[in-house]
Protein backbone atom coordinates (compact mmCIF):
# COMPACT_ATOMS: atom_id res chain seq x y z
CA UNK A 1 136.51 -82.88 64.82
CA UNK A 2 139.30 -80.47 65.39
CA UNK A 3 139.21 -77.32 63.14
CA UNK A 4 142.31 -74.97 62.44
CA UNK A 5 142.37 -71.87 60.49
CA UNK A 6 145.46 -69.90 59.64
CA UNK A 7 145.19 -66.57 58.20
CA UNK A 8 147.33 -64.10 56.34
CA UNK A 9 147.58 -60.38 55.57
CA UNK A 10 145.32 -59.17 57.97
CA UNK A 11 144.61 -55.46 57.18
CA UNK A 12 143.02 -52.87 59.57
CA UNK A 13 141.33 -55.35 62.07
CA UNK A 14 138.63 -57.05 59.92
CA UNK A 15 135.62 -59.26 61.68
CA UNK A 16 134.36 -62.68 60.35
CA UNK A 17 132.25 -65.38 61.25
CA UNK A 18 133.01 -69.06 61.08
CA UNK A 19 130.00 -71.27 60.64
CA UNK A 20 130.11 -75.10 60.18
CA UNK A 21 126.99 -76.82 58.86
CA UNK A 22 125.36 -73.32 59.38
CA UNK A 23 125.81 -73.43 63.41
CA UNK A 24 128.40 -70.35 64.27
CA UNK A 25 130.92 -70.86 65.92
CA UNK A 26 133.13 -67.53 66.00
CA UNK A 27 132.30 -63.83 65.76
CA UNK A 28 134.64 -61.63 65.67
CA UNK A 29 137.79 -60.15 65.19
CA UNK A 30 140.07 -62.18 62.48
CA UNK A 31 143.13 -63.87 64.72
CA UNK A 32 145.66 -65.32 62.76
CA UNK A 33 145.20 -68.83 64.08
CA UNK A 34 141.85 -69.90 64.99
CA UNK A 35 141.23 -73.89 66.70
CA UNK A 36 137.90 -75.13 68.08
CA UNK A 37 137.19 -78.97 68.69
CA UNK A 38 132.84 -79.77 67.41
CA UNK A 39 130.74 -82.41 67.86
CA UNK A 40 129.44 -83.04 64.58
CA UNK A 41 127.89 -86.47 62.82
CA UNK A 42 129.98 -88.21 60.41
CA UNK A 43 129.14 -87.10 57.25
CA UNK A 44 129.37 -84.13 54.83
CA UNK A 45 130.25 -80.88 56.48
CA UNK A 46 130.20 -77.01 55.00
CA UNK A 47 132.07 -74.28 56.23
CA UNK A 48 131.68 -70.82 55.64
CA UNK A 49 133.70 -68.42 56.62
CA UNK A 50 131.76 -64.90 55.96
CA UNK A 51 133.68 -61.15 56.09
CA UNK A 52 131.14 -59.50 58.48
CA UNK A 53 130.80 -55.77 59.20
CA UNK A 54 133.22 -54.44 56.13
CA UNK A 55 131.91 -50.91 55.00
CA UNK A 56 132.38 -48.96 51.53
CA UNK A 57 134.89 -46.45 53.63
CA UNK A 58 136.79 -49.76 54.36
CA UNK A 59 138.39 -49.70 50.65
CA UNK A 60 140.56 -46.71 50.11
CA UNK A 61 141.11 -45.96 46.54
CA UNK A 62 143.22 -43.57 44.69
CA UNK A 63 142.80 -43.00 41.15
CA UNK A 64 140.97 -45.95 40.52
CA UNK A 65 143.42 -48.09 42.05
CA UNK A 66 142.63 -49.84 45.57
CA UNK A 67 145.69 -48.92 47.45
CA UNK A 68 144.48 -49.99 51.28
CA UNK A 69 141.58 -52.43 52.33
CA UNK A 70 140.59 -54.09 55.39
CA UNK A 71 140.78 -57.46 54.63
CA UNK A 72 141.77 -60.82 55.43
CA UNK A 73 143.47 -63.85 53.03
CA UNK A 74 142.73 -67.77 54.31
CA UNK A 75 146.04 -69.65 54.61
CA UNK A 76 145.18 -72.80 55.59
CA UNK A 77 142.21 -75.05 56.31
CA UNK A 78 143.45 -78.09 59.07
CA UNK A 79 140.13 -80.72 59.64
CA UNK A 80 141.65 -83.78 61.95
CA UNK A 81 145.18 -82.77 61.03
CA UNK A 82 144.41 -83.10 57.40
CA UNK A 83 145.83 -80.27 55.26
CA UNK A 84 143.30 -79.33 53.05
CA UNK A 85 145.59 -76.91 50.71
CA UNK A 86 143.69 -77.55 47.53
CA UNK A 87 140.71 -75.44 48.94
CA UNK A 88 142.21 -72.73 49.42
CA UNK A 89 143.25 -70.66 46.52
CA UNK A 90 144.21 -67.15 45.17
CA UNK A 91 141.42 -64.28 45.56
C-alpha cells in the first residue's frame, strides 16, 4: 500500500505520530508531504495521526482568544492513488 499525506498550515514545528493498524510508520516533526510504502494484509485498515508533544504553553491566548497555536491541518489522504477527500474535514 502506498500512503501519501499532505499537511498545511503548519505552525511552530508541531510533531505527530502516524500509525497504520497500530504500527507506527512515522514519529517526528510534521512535514508538508509524507509518503511511504507499506506491506499490509488486504482488509480493514486504520490510519491514526496523533499530534504529540504539545504543551499548554504552545497555545497563546489573549483576552480569551487563541492568537497562536502549535498546530497543523491534514489536507489530503491518498492511498494507492485514491484521494480520500471525503475523510478530510474542517477542524
